PDB file of N, CA and C in Angstrom:
ATOM      1  N   MET A   1      15.981   0.972  -7.581  1.00  0.00           N
ATOM      2  CA  MET A   1      15.319   2.073  -8.473  1.00  0.00           C
ATOM      3  C   MET A   1      14.654   3.007  -7.616  1.00  0.00           C
ATOM      4  N   LYS A   2      14.866   4.332  -7.833  1.00  0.00           N
ATOM      5  CA  LYS A   2      14.206   5.353  -7.219  1.00  0.00           C
ATOM      6  C   LYS A   2      12.830   5.634  -7.808  1.00  0.00           C
ATOM      7  N   ILE A   3      11.759   5.559  -7.098  1.00  0.00           N
ATOM      8  CA  ILE A   3      10.357   5.723  -7.556  1.00  0.00           C
ATOM      9  C   ILE A   3       9.742   6.891  -6.810  1.00  0.00           C
ATOM     10  N   LYS A   4       9.368   7.927  -7.641  1.00  0.00           N
ATOM     11  CA  LYS A   4       8.669   9.002  -7.101  1.00  0.00           C
ATOM     12  C   LYS A   4       7.229   9.008  -7.288  1.00  0.00           C
ATOM     13  N   ARG A   5       6.496   9.348  -6.174  1.00  0.00           N
ATOM     14  CA  ARG A   5       5.005   9.254  -6.077  1.00  0.00           C
ATOM     15  C   ARG A   5       4.468  10.424  -5.351  1.00  0.00           C
ATOM     16  N   THR A   6       3.266  10.793  -5.675  1.00  0.00           N
ATOM     17  CA  THR A   6       2.580  11.944  -4.878  1.00  0.00           C
ATOM     18  C   THR A   6       1.463  11.022  -4.105  1.00  0.00           C
ATOM     19  N   SER A   7       1.556  11.266  -2.830  1.00  0.00           N
ATOM     20  CA  SER A   7       0.580  10.575  -1.917  1.00  0.00           C
ATOM     21  C   SER A   7      -0.804  10.958  -2.213  1.00  0.00           C
ATOM     22  N   MET A   8      -1.778   9.973  -2.413  1.00  0.00           N
ATOM     23  CA  MET A   8      -3.153  10.271  -2.521  1.00  0.00           C
ATOM     24  C   MET A   8      -3.694  10.745  -1.169  1.00  0.00           C
ATOM     25  N   LEU A   9      -3.041  10.504  -0.084  1.00  0.00           N
ATOM     26  CA  LEU A   9      -3.583  10.954   1.235  1.00  0.00           C
ATOM     27  C   LEU A   9      -3.262  12.284   1.535  1.00  0.00           C
ATOM     28  N   SER A  10      -1.858  12.723   1.311  1.00  0.00           N
ATOM     29  CA  SER A  10      -1.539  14.024   1.804  1.00  0.00           C
ATOM     30  C   SER A  10      -1.086  14.982   0.732  1.00  0.00           C
ATOM     31  N   GLY A  11      -0.992  14.505  -0.535  1.00  0.00           N
ATOM     32  CA  GLY A  11      -0.516  15.312  -1.646  1.00  0.00           C
ATOM     33  C   GLY A  11       0.856  15.559  -1.645  1.00  0.00           C
ATOM     34  N   LYS A  12       1.704  14.914  -0.658  1.00  0.00           N
ATOM     35  CA  LYS A  12       3.076  15.295  -0.593  1.00  0.00           C
ATOM     36  C   LYS A  12       3.752  14.313  -1.622  1.00  0.00           C
ATOM     37  N   GLU A  13       4.902  14.881  -2.262  1.00  0.00           N
ATOM     38  CA  GLU A  13       5.727  14.096  -3.165  1.00  0.00           C
ATOM     39  C   GLU A  13       6.886  13.522  -2.546  1.00  0.00           C
ATOM     40  N   ARG A  14       7.073  12.145  -2.680  1.00  0.00           N
ATOM     41  CA  ARG A  14       8.143  11.458  -2.002  1.00  0.00           C
ATOM     42  C   ARG A  14       8.862  10.625  -3.015  1.00  0.00           C
ATOM     43  N   THR A  15      10.046  10.196  -2.713  1.00  0.00           N
ATOM     44  CA  THR A  15      10.913   9.331  -3.524  1.00  0.00           C
ATOM     45  C   THR A  15      11.334   8.204  -2.629  1.00  0.00           C
ATOM     46  N   MET A  16      11.192   6.948  -2.986  1.00  0.00           N
ATOM     47  CA  MET A  16      11.683   5.805  -2.269  1.00  0.00           C
ATOM     48  C   MET A  16      12.495   5.029  -3.229  1.00  0.00           C
ATOM     49  N   ASP A  17      13.647   4.622  -2.639  1.00  0.00           N
ATOM     50  CA  ASP A  17      14.545   3.764  -3.389  1.00  0.00           C
ATOM     51  C   ASP A  17      14.249   2.283  -3.025  1.00  0.00           C
ATOM     52  N   LEU A  18      13.723   1.528  -4.094  1.00  0.00           N
ATOM     53  CA  LEU A  18      13.184   0.263  -3.823  1.00  0.00           C
ATOM     54  C   LEU A  18      14.043  -0.714  -4.678  1.00  0.00           C
ATOM     55  N   PRO A  19      14.130  -2.069  -4.180  1.00  0.00           N
ATOM     56  CA  PRO A  19      14.856  -3.041  -4.946  1.00  0.00           C
ATOM     57  C   PRO A  19      13.965  -3.596  -6.035  1.00  0.00           C
ATOM     58  N   VAL A  20      13.904  -2.761  -7.114  1.00  0.00           N
ATOM     59  CA  VAL A  20      12.922  -3.062  -8.299  1.00  0.00           C
ATOM     60  C   VAL A  20      13.839  -3.029  -9.512  1.00  0.00           C
ATOM     61  N   THR A  21      13.649  -3.972 -10.406  1.00  0.00           N
ATOM     62  CA  THR A  21      14.293  -4.008 -11.730  1.00  0.00           C
ATOM     63  C   THR A  21      13.514  -3.277 -12.663  1.00  0.00           C
ATOM     64  N   ASP A  22      14.119  -2.779 -13.776  1.00  0.00           N
ATOM     65  CA  ASP A  22      13.422  -2.250 -14.982  1.00  0.00           C
ATOM     66  C   ASP A  22      12.463  -3.294 -15.546  1.00  0.00           C
ATOM     67  N   GLU A  23      12.853  -4.503 -15.530  1.00  0.00           N
ATOM     68  CA  GLU A  23      11.940  -5.564 -16.046  1.00  0.00           C
ATOM     69  C   GLU A  23      10.639  -5.642 -15.176  1.00  0.00           C
ATOM     70  N   GLN A  24      10.897  -5.725 -13.906  1.00  0.00           N
ATOM     71  CA  GLN A  24       9.715  -5.716 -13.032  1.00  0.00           C
ATOM     72  C   GLN A  24       8.782  -4.584 -13.281  1.00  0.00           C
ATOM     73  N   PHE A  25       9.323  -3.484 -13.388  1.00  0.00           N
ATOM     74  CA  PHE A  25       8.454  -2.238 -13.442  1.00  0.00           C
ATOM     75  C   PHE A  25       7.728  -2.342 -14.804  1.00  0.00           C
ATOM     76  N   ALA A  26       8.389  -2.782 -15.894  1.00  0.00           N
ATOM     77  CA  ALA A  26       7.772  -2.830 -17.116  1.00  0.00           C
ATOM     78  C   ALA A  26       6.555  -3.896 -17.182  1.00  0.00           C
ATOM     79  N   LYS A  27       6.791  -5.016 -16.388  1.00  0.00           N
ATOM     80  CA  LYS A  27       5.730  -6.008 -16.231  1.00  0.00           C
ATOM     81  C   LYS A  27       4.557  -5.309 -15.479  1.00  0.00           C
ATOM     82  N   PHE A  28       4.726  -4.469 -14.484  1.00  0.00           N
ATOM     83  CA  PHE A  28       3.764  -3.836 -13.745  1.00  0.00           C
ATOM     84  C   PHE A  28       3.017  -2.899 -14.595  1.00  0.00           C
ATOM     85  N   GLU A  29       3.708  -2.052 -15.417  1.00  0.00           N
ATOM     86  CA  GLU A  29       3.077  -1.151 -16.288  1.00  0.00           C
ATOM     87  C   GLU A  29       2.334  -1.767 -17.321  1.00  0.00           C
ATOM     88  N   ALA A  30       2.673  -2.916 -17.746  1.00  0.00           N
ATOM     89  CA  ALA A  30       2.015  -3.676 -18.695  1.00  0.00           C
ATOM     90  C   ALA A  30       0.620  -4.404 -18.248  1.00  0.00           C
ATOM     91  N   GLY A  31       0.467  -4.245 -16.981  1.00  0.00           N
ATOM     92  CA  GLY A  31      -0.773  -4.749 -16.352  1.00  0.00           C
ATOM     93  C   GLY A  31      -0.700  -5.987 -15.397  1.00  0.00           C
ATOM     94  N   ALA A  32       0.413  -6.376 -15.075  1.00  0.00           N
ATOM     95  CA  ALA A  32       0.583  -7.402 -14.114  1.00  0.00           C
ATOM     96  C   ALA A  32       0.128  -6.866 -12.812  1.00  0.00           C
ATOM     97  N   LEU A  33      -0.435  -7.882 -12.010  1.00  0.00           N
ATOM     98  CA  LEU A  33      -0.832  -7.486 -10.644  1.00  0.00           C
ATOM     99  C   LEU A  33       0.470  -7.136  -9.782  1.00  0.00           C
ATOM    100  N   ILE A  34       0.380  -6.099  -9.033  1.00  0.00           N
ATOM    101  CA  ILE A  34       1.561  -5.611  -8.279  1.00  0.00           C
ATOM    102  C   ILE A  34       2.259  -6.631  -7.501  1.00  0.00           C
ATOM    103  N   GLN A  35       1.545  -7.618  -6.919  1.00  0.00           N
ATOM    104  CA  GLN A  35       2.139  -8.656  -6.030  1.00  0.00           C
ATOM    105  C   GLN A  35       2.808  -9.666  -6.999  1.00  0.00           C
ATOM    106  N   ASP A  36       2.436  -9.817  -8.222  1.00  0.00           N
ATOM    107  CA  ASP A  36       3.134 -10.641  -9.206  1.00  0.00           C
ATOM    108  C   ASP A  36       4.413  -9.931  -9.813  1.00  0.00           C
ATOM    109  N   ALA A  37       4.305  -8.750 -10.046  1.00  0.00           N
ATOM    110  CA  ALA A  37       5.324  -7.926 -10.722  1.00  0.00           C
ATOM    111  C   ALA A  37       6.469  -7.780  -9.629  1.00  0.00           C
ATOM    112  N   PHE A  38       6.158  -7.504  -8.359  1.00  0.00           N
ATOM    113  CA  PHE A  38       7.025  -7.198  -7.342  1.00  0.00           C
ATOM    114  C   PHE A  38       7.013  -8.154  -6.073  1.00  0.00           C
ATOM    115  N   PRO A  39       7.136  -9.533  -6.308  1.00  0.00           N
ATOM    116  CA  PRO A  39       6.981 -10.412  -5.196  1.00  0.00           C
ATOM    117  C   PRO A  39       7.978 -10.191  -3.972  1.00  0.00           C
ATOM    118  N   ASN A  40       9.041  -9.579  -4.371  1.00  0.00           N
ATOM    119  CA  ASN A  40      10.121  -9.293  -3.343  1.00  0.00           C
ATOM    120  C   ASN A  40       9.875  -8.084  -2.500  1.00  0.00           C
ATOM    121  N   LEU A  41       8.860  -7.236  -2.785  1.00  0.00           N
ATOM    122  CA  LEU A  41       8.599  -6.023  -1.924  1.00  0.00           C
ATOM    123  C   LEU A  41       7.547  -6.388  -0.862  1.00  0.00           C
ATOM    124  N   THR A  42       7.664  -5.567   0.088  1.00  0.00           N
ATOM    125  CA  THR A  42       6.655  -5.680   1.319  1.00  0.00           C
ATOM    126  C   THR A  42       5.313  -5.073   0.923  1.00  0.00           C
ATOM    127  N   ASP A  43       4.314  -5.269   1.594  1.00  0.00           N
ATOM    128  CA  ASP A  43       3.015  -4.675   1.398  1.00  0.00           C
ATOM    129  C   ASP A  43       3.192  -3.187   1.494  1.00  0.00           C
ATOM    130  N   SER A  44       3.854  -2.663   2.296  1.00  0.00           N
ATOM    131  CA  SER A  44       4.023  -1.180   2.472  1.00  0.00           C
ATOM    132  C   SER A  44       4.721  -0.566   1.245  1.00  0.00           C
ATOM    133  N   GLN A  45       5.764  -1.262   0.746  1.00  0.00           N
ATOM    134  CA  GLN A  45       6.430  -0.794  -0.440  1.00  0.00           C
ATOM    135  C   GLN A  45       5.505  -0.855  -1.717  1.00  0.00           C
ATOM    136  N   ARG A  46       4.684  -1.876  -1.839  1.00  0.00           N
ATOM    137  CA  ARG A  46       3.761  -1.909  -3.007  1.00  0.00           C
ATOM    138  C   ARG A  46       2.745  -0.854  -2.730  1.00  0.00           C
ATOM    139  N   GLU A  47       2.191  -0.559  -1.633  1.00  0.00           N
ATOM    140  CA  GLU A  47       1.222   0.480  -1.344  1.00  0.00           C
ATOM    141  C   GLU A  47       1.966   1.828  -1.799  1.00  0.00           C
ATOM    142  N   PHE A  48       3.202   2.079  -1.549  1.00  0.00           N
ATOM    143  CA  PHE A  48       3.776   3.237  -2.018  1.00  0.00           C
ATOM    144  C   PHE A  48       3.783   3.378  -3.535  1.00  0.00           C
ATOM    145  N   ILE A  49       4.021   2.299  -4.145  1.00  0.00           N
ATOM    146  CA  ILE A  49       4.002   2.358  -5.653  1.00  0.00           C
ATOM    147  C   ILE A  49       2.642   2.697  -6.230  1.00  0.00           C
ATOM    148  N   LEU A  50       1.526   2.052  -5.580  1.00  0.00           N
ATOM    149  CA  LEU A  50       0.263   2.263  -5.977  1.00  0.00           C
ATOM    150  C   LEU A  50      -0.413   3.676  -5.619  1.00  0.00           C
ATOM    151  N   THR A  51      -0.182   4.079  -4.373  1.00  0.00           N
ATOM    152  CA  THR A  51      -0.820   5.294  -3.929  1.00  0.00           C
ATOM    153  C   THR A  51       0.002   6.461  -3.426  1.00  0.00           C
ATOM    154  N   GLY A  52       1.387   6.188  -3.372  1.00  0.00           N
ATOM    155  CA  GLY A  52       2.338   7.051  -2.773  1.00  0.00           C
ATOM    156  C   GLY A  52       2.240   7.311  -1.421  1.00  0.00           C
ATOM    157  N   SER A  53       1.421   6.586  -0.586  1.00  0.00           N
ATOM    158  CA  SER A  53       1.259   6.746   0.819  1.00  0.00           C
ATOM    159  C   SER A  53       2.249   5.841   1.593  1.00  0.00           C
ATOM    160  N   THR A  54       2.717   6.367   2.726  1.00  0.00           N
ATOM    161  CA  THR A  54       3.595   5.792   3.632  1.00  0.00           C
ATOM    162  C   THR A  54       2.781   5.033   4.740  1.00  0.00           C
ATOM    163  N   ASP A  55       3.366   4.185   5.586  1.00  0.00           N
ATOM    164  CA  ASP A  55       2.719   3.606   6.769  1.00  0.00           C
ATOM    165  C   ASP A  55       2.266   4.597   7.705  1.00  0.00           C
ATOM    166  N   ASP A  56       3.093   5.695   7.996  1.00  0.00           N
ATOM    167  CA  ASP A  56       2.720   6.705   8.915  1.00  0.00           C
ATOM    168  C   ASP A  56       1.529   7.438   8.397  1.00  0.00           C
ATOM    169  N   GLU A  57       1.481   7.864   7.161  1.00  0.00           N
ATOM    170  CA  GLU A  57       0.236   8.489   6.547  1.00  0.00           C
ATOM    171  C   GLU A  57      -0.899   7.757   6.675  1.00  0.00           C
ATOM    172  N   TRP A  58      -0.930   6.465   6.416  1.00  0.00           N
ATOM    173  CA  TRP A  58      -1.968   5.524   6.501  1.00  0.00           C
ATOM    174  C   TRP A  58      -2.457   5.376   7.883  1.00  0.00           C
ATOM    175  N   ASP A  59      -1.594   5.311   8.878  1.00  0.00           N
ATOM    176  CA  ASP A  59      -2.025   5.230  10.314  1.00  0.00           C
ATOM    177  C   ASP A  59      -2.683   6.501  10.717  1.00  0.00           C
ATOM    178  N   GLU A  60      -2.151   7.643  10.312  1.00  0.00           N
ATOM    179  CA  GLU A  60      -2.736   8.937  10.685  1.00  0.00           C
ATOM    180  C   GLU A  60      -4.061   9.086  10.044  1.00  0.00           C
ATOM    181  N   ALA A  61      -4.278   8.611   8.803  1.00  0.00           N
ATOM    182  CA  ALA A  61      -5.653   8.808   8.055  1.00  0.00           C
ATOM    183  C   ALA A  61      -6.521   7.882   8.580  1.00  0.00           C
ATOM    184  N   PHE A  62      -6.269   6.578   8.834  1.00  0.00           N
ATOM    185  CA  PHE A  62      -7.182   5.541   9.207  1.00  0.00           C
ATOM    186  C   PHE A  62      -7.003   4.789  10.420  1.00  0.00           C
ATOM    187  N   GLY A  63      -6.037   5.350  11.182  1.00  0.00           N
ATOM    188  CA  GLY A  63      -5.704   4.610  12.469  1.00  0.00           C
ATOM    189  C   GLY A  63      -4.922   3.356  12.261  1.00  0.00           C
ATOM    190  N   ASP A  64      -4.417   2.765  13.309  1.00  0.00           N
ATOM    191  CA  ASP A  64      -3.657   1.701  13.186  1.00  0.00           C
ATOM    192  C   ASP A  64      -4.227   0.433  13.837  1.00  0.00           C
ATOM    193  N   GLU A  65      -5.602   0.492  13.721  1.00  0.00           N
ATOM    194  CA  GLU A  65      -6.333  -0.711  14.377  1.00  0.00           C
ATOM    195  C   GLU A  65      -6.157  -1.923  13.513  1.00  0.00           C
ATOM    196  N   ASP A  66      -6.047  -3.087  14.085  1.00  0.00           N
ATOM    197  CA  ASP A  66      -5.927  -4.240  13.487  1.00  0.00           C
ATOM    198  C   ASP A  66      -7.226  -4.914  13.271  1.00  0.00           C
ATOM    199  N   GLU A  67      -7.577  -5.585  12.069  1.00  0.00           N
ATOM    200  CA  GLU A  67      -8.855  -6.127  11.810  1.00  0.00           C
ATOM    201  C   GLU A  67      -9.247  -7.125  12.919  1.00  0.00           C
ATOM    202  N   ASP A  68      -8.185  -7.825  13.504  1.00  0.00           N
ATOM    203  CA  ASP A  68      -8.462  -8.764  14.543  1.00  0.00           C
ATOM    204  C   ASP A  68      -9.038  -8.249  15.755  1.00  0.00           C
ATOM    205  N   ASP A  69      -8.859  -6.893  15.950  1.00  0.00           N
ATOM    206  CA  ASP A  69      -9.341  -6.164  17.135  1.00  0.00           C
ATOM    207  C   ASP A  69     -10.814  -5.885  17.021  1.00  0.00           C
ATOM    208  N   PHE A  70     -11.374  -6.041  15.890  1.00  0.00           N
ATOM    209  CA  PHE A  70     -12.760  -5.579  15.637  1.00  0.00           C
ATOM    210  C   PHE A  70     -13.769  -6.425  16.428  1.00  0.00           C
ATOM    211  N   GLU A  71     -14.716  -5.800  17.151  1.00  0.00           N
ATOM    212  CA  GLU A  71     -15.706  -6.501  17.897  1.00  0.00           C
ATOM    213  C   GLU A  71     -17.014  -5.926  17.644  1.00  0.00           C
ATOM    214  N   PRO A  72     -18.036  -6.743  17.142  1.00  0.00           N
ATOM    215  CA  PRO A  72     -19.379  -6.151  16.844  1.00  0.00           C
ATOM    216  C   PRO A  72     -19.968  -5.397  18.089  1.00  0.00           C
ATOM    217  N   ILE A  73     -20.736  -4.406  17.807  1.00  0.00           N
ATOM    218  CA  ILE A  73     -21.395  -3.814  18.951  1.00  0.00           C
ATOM    219  C   ILE A  73     -22.304  -4.689  19.600  1.00  0.00           C
ATOM    220  N   ASP A  74     -22.346  -4.731  20.838  1.00  0.00           N
ATOM    221  CA  ASP A  74     -23.223  -5.508  21.717  1.00  0.00           C
ATOM    222  C   ASP A  74     -22.923  -7.145  21.434  1.00  0.00           C
ATOM    223  N   GLY A  75     -21.820  -7.361  20.798  1.00  0.00           N
ATOM    224  CA  GLY A  75     -21.460  -8.744  20.545  1.00  0.00           C
ATOM    225  C   GLY A  75     -22.325  -9.518  19.557  1.00  0.00           C
ATOM    226  N   ASP A  76     -23.321  -8.778  18.876  1.00  0.00           N
ATOM    227  CA  ASP A  76     -24.186  -9.370  17.982  1.00  0.00           C
ATOM    228  C   ASP A  76     -23.617  -9.325  16.434  1.00  0.00           C
ATOM    229  N   ILE A  77     -23.881 -10.332  15.744  1.00  0.00           N
ATOM    230  CA  ILE A  77     -23.447 -10.451  14.295  1.00  0.00           C
ATOM    231  C   ILE A  77     -24.755 -10.237  13.530  1.00  0.00           C
ATOM    232  N   PRO A  78     -24.823  -9.327  12.724  1.00  0.00           N
ATOM    233  CA  PRO A  78     -26.056  -8.964  12.012  1.00  0.00           C
ATOM    234  C   PRO A  78     -26.424 -10.320  10.986  1.00  0.00           C
ATOM    235  N   ALA A  79     -27.709 -10.500  10.945  1.00  0.00           N
ATOM    236  CA  ALA A  79     -28.234 -11.576  10.056  1.00  0.00           C
ATOM    237  C   ALA A  79     -28.571 -10.938   8.736  1.00  0.00           C
ATOM    238  N   PHE A  80     -28.201 -11.699   7.632  1.00  0.00           N
ATOM    239  CA  PHE A  80     -28.520 -11.190   6.384  1.00  0.00           C
ATOM    240  C   PHE A  80     -29.518 -11.999   5.713  1.00  0.00           C
TER     241      PHE A  80
END
């Protein structure tokens, strides 16, 4: 199914051909969680449906740092 979205990050309109059925899309539009409606899609494909953004746009806007790469400043973990 061809899905057209406008990116929340860049404002660019794109179309992506995704392996989605009408039944799955109806389930999503009826309020199902995206991961439940489209279990066969990748995280990137689901993000496109939700926000219209692509991996490249996401990396450009937020960097491609991995959460596992995070190190606290001075190695200290703040106490709460």
